[in-house]
Protein backbone atom coordinates (compact mmCIF):
# COMPACT_ATOMS: atom_id res chain seq x y z
CA MET A 1 20.39 6.55 -56.78
CA LYS A 2 16.28 5.63 -55.79
CA LYS A 3 17.08 1.64 -54.80
CA LYS A 4 20.35 3.55 -52.17
CA ILE A 5 16.88 5.72 -50.59
CA ALA A 6 14.64 2.94 -50.71
CA VAL A 7 16.81 1.01 -48.99
CA PHE A 8 17.09 3.96 -46.51
CA ILE A 9 13.53 4.48 -45.87
CA THR A 10 13.07 0.90 -45.72
CA GLY A 11 16.14 0.43 -42.83
CA LEU A 12 15.01 3.41 -40.78
CA LEU A 13 11.25 1.97 -40.73
CA VAL A 14 12.51 -0.77 -39.50
CA ILE A 15 15.00 0.77 -36.83
CA ILE A 16 11.58 2.76 -36.48
CA ALA A 17 8.96 -0.31 -35.83
CA VAL A 18 11.94 -1.96 -33.62
CA TYR A 19 12.68 0.87 -31.11
CA ILE A 20 8.55 1.57 -31.10
CA LEU A 21 7.84 -2.53 -30.73
CA GLU A 22 10.48 -3.67 -28.18
CA VAL A 23 12.67 -0.86 -27.15
CA LYS A 24 10.46 2.11 -25.54
CA PRO A 25 7.77 -0.73 -23.90
CA ARG A 26 11.33 -2.48 -22.25
CA LEU A 27 12.21 1.27 -20.85
CA GLN A 28 8.68 2.14 -20.05
CA ALA A 29 8.97 -1.24 -18.19
CA TYR A 30 12.21 -0.23 -16.09
CA GLU A 31 11.18 2.89 -15.70
CA TYR A 32 8.00 2.05 -13.65
CA VAL A 33 10.03 -0.85 -12.02
CA ARG A 34 12.16 1.86 -10.81
CA ASN A 35 9.60 3.97 -9.03
CA MET A 36 7.03 1.55 -8.13
CA PRO A 37 6.79 2.39 -4.41
CA ILE A 38 7.51 -0.68 -2.37
CA GLY A 39 5.11 -1.80 0.62
CA ALA A 40 5.42 -1.86 4.63
CA VAL A 41 5.68 -5.53 6.06
CA ASP A 42 5.47 -5.58 10.13
CA ILE A 43 7.91 -8.21 10.47
CA GLN A 44 6.44 -8.88 14.59
CA LYS A 45 3.04 -9.68 13.48
CA LEU A 46 4.50 -12.30 10.62
CA ALA A 47 4.43 -16.42 11.58
CA ASP A 48 7.71 -18.83 11.10
CA ALA A 49 7.03 -20.10 8.01
CA THR A 50 9.45 -20.19 5.03
CA LYS A 51 7.68 -18.36 1.65
CA GLU A 52 8.08 -17.75 -1.72
CA GLY A 53 6.54 -14.67 -3.82
CA GLU A 54 7.71 -13.10 -7.34
CA PHE A 55 7.86 -9.85 -9.43
CA SER A 56 7.27 -10.13 -13.56
CA LEU A 57 6.92 -6.56 -15.50
CA SER A 58 8.59 -6.85 -18.75
CA ASP A 59 11.52 -9.23 -18.83
CA ILE A 60 12.30 -8.83 -15.79
CA TYR A 61 11.95 -11.73 -13.45
CA CYS A 62 13.04 -12.26 -10.27
CA LYS A 63 11.70 -15.51 -7.78
CA VAL A 64 12.32 -15.17 -3.61
CA ARG A 65 12.10 -17.38 -1.09
CA VAL A 66 12.25 -15.65 2.80
CA ARG A 67 12.05 -17.31 6.15
CA VAL A 68 10.99 -15.79 8.71
CA LYS A 69 12.02 -16.63 12.22
CA ASN A 70 11.11 -15.34 15.96
CA LYS A 71 9.90 -12.22 14.09
CA LYS A 72 12.93 -12.06 12.51
CA ILE A 73 14.15 -11.97 8.77
CA GLU A 74 16.32 -14.42 8.71
CA SER A 75 17.35 -15.58 5.28
CA ILE A 76 16.41 -14.24 1.50
CA GLU A 77 17.43 -16.70 -1.13
CA ILE A 78 17.21 -16.03 -4.89
CA VAL A 79 15.39 -19.12 -6.57
CA LYS A 80 15.56 -17.31 -9.54
CA ASN A 81 16.85 -13.53 -11.07
CA ALA A 82 18.76 -12.45 -13.76
CA THR A 83 22.43 -13.90 -14.53
CA ASN A 84 23.72 -10.55 -15.69
CA ASP A 85 26.48 -8.22 -13.99
CA LEU A 86 24.18 -6.14 -13.30
CA ALA A 87 21.23 -8.69 -11.40
CA LYS A 88 23.95 -9.89 -9.87
CA LYS A 89 25.27 -7.00 -8.02
CA ALA A 90 21.53 -6.22 -7.51
CA GLU A 91 20.89 -9.13 -5.19
CA LYS A 92 23.23 -7.60 -2.66
CA VAL A 93 20.24 -6.14 -1.69
CA THR A 94 18.70 -8.60 0.22
CA GLU A 95 22.37 -8.59 3.18
CA LYS A 96 20.44 -4.52 3.86
CA VAL A 97 16.83 -5.94 3.87
CA ILE A 98 17.72 -8.60 6.50
CA ALA A 99 20.04 -6.31 8.26
CA ALA A 100 17.37 -3.82 8.73
CA GLN A 101 14.81 -6.35 9.22
CA SER A 102 12.44 -3.64 6.54
CA LEU A 103 11.96 -3.43 3.01
CA ASN A 104 13.20 0.06 3.53
CA VAL A 105 16.61 0.08 2.41
CA GLU A 106 17.94 2.29 -0.20
CA CYS A 107 18.36 0.41 -3.76
CA ILE A 108 22.17 -0.93 -5.06
CA THR A 109 23.96 1.87 -7.05
CA GLY A 110 22.82 0.98 -10.88
CA ALA A 111 20.93 -1.43 -10.40
CA THR A 112 17.85 -0.22 -9.12
CA ALA A 113 15.65 -1.48 -11.46
CA THR A 114 16.33 -5.12 -10.22
CA SER A 115 16.68 -4.20 -6.95
CA LYS A 116 13.49 -2.51 -6.90
CA ALA A 117 11.81 -6.32 -8.18
CA ILE A 118 13.97 -8.67 -5.52
CA LEU A 119 12.14 -5.80 -2.94
CA LYS A 120 8.55 -6.41 -4.48
CA ALA A 121 9.21 -10.02 -4.27
CA VAL A 122 10.30 -10.22 -0.61
CA GLU A 123 7.58 -8.21 -0.27
CA ASN A 124 5.07 -10.70 -1.96
CA ALA A 125 6.70 -13.04 0.10
CA LEU A 126 6.05 -11.86 2.81
CA LYS A 127 1.65 -10.55 2.93
């Protein structure tokens, strides 16, 4: 009986440690990204160029290539992003940015954190 209790307590301690060391920081990072502000960029002041930008926090990483031509965002290429379904879904936020010619767009429902990461990477490219 004592051995079963010891095994149970050890298992419980492992679960708690994993949560404290891995899960909680990741959840906090995702919460931060979901709520982080995206700065305004005056596209009319941008020169024709192709620039790269990236955003990284915890296990969230995104890299984009943004092409500006004739004072317009002409294209946004996702250079690097996660490969899961939500990350791929979030990539559609680039279409919204190009259509609006602004970073002030709604995130993709269900993929808010990755949408925000992409928007921040675009912002960083255009700074």
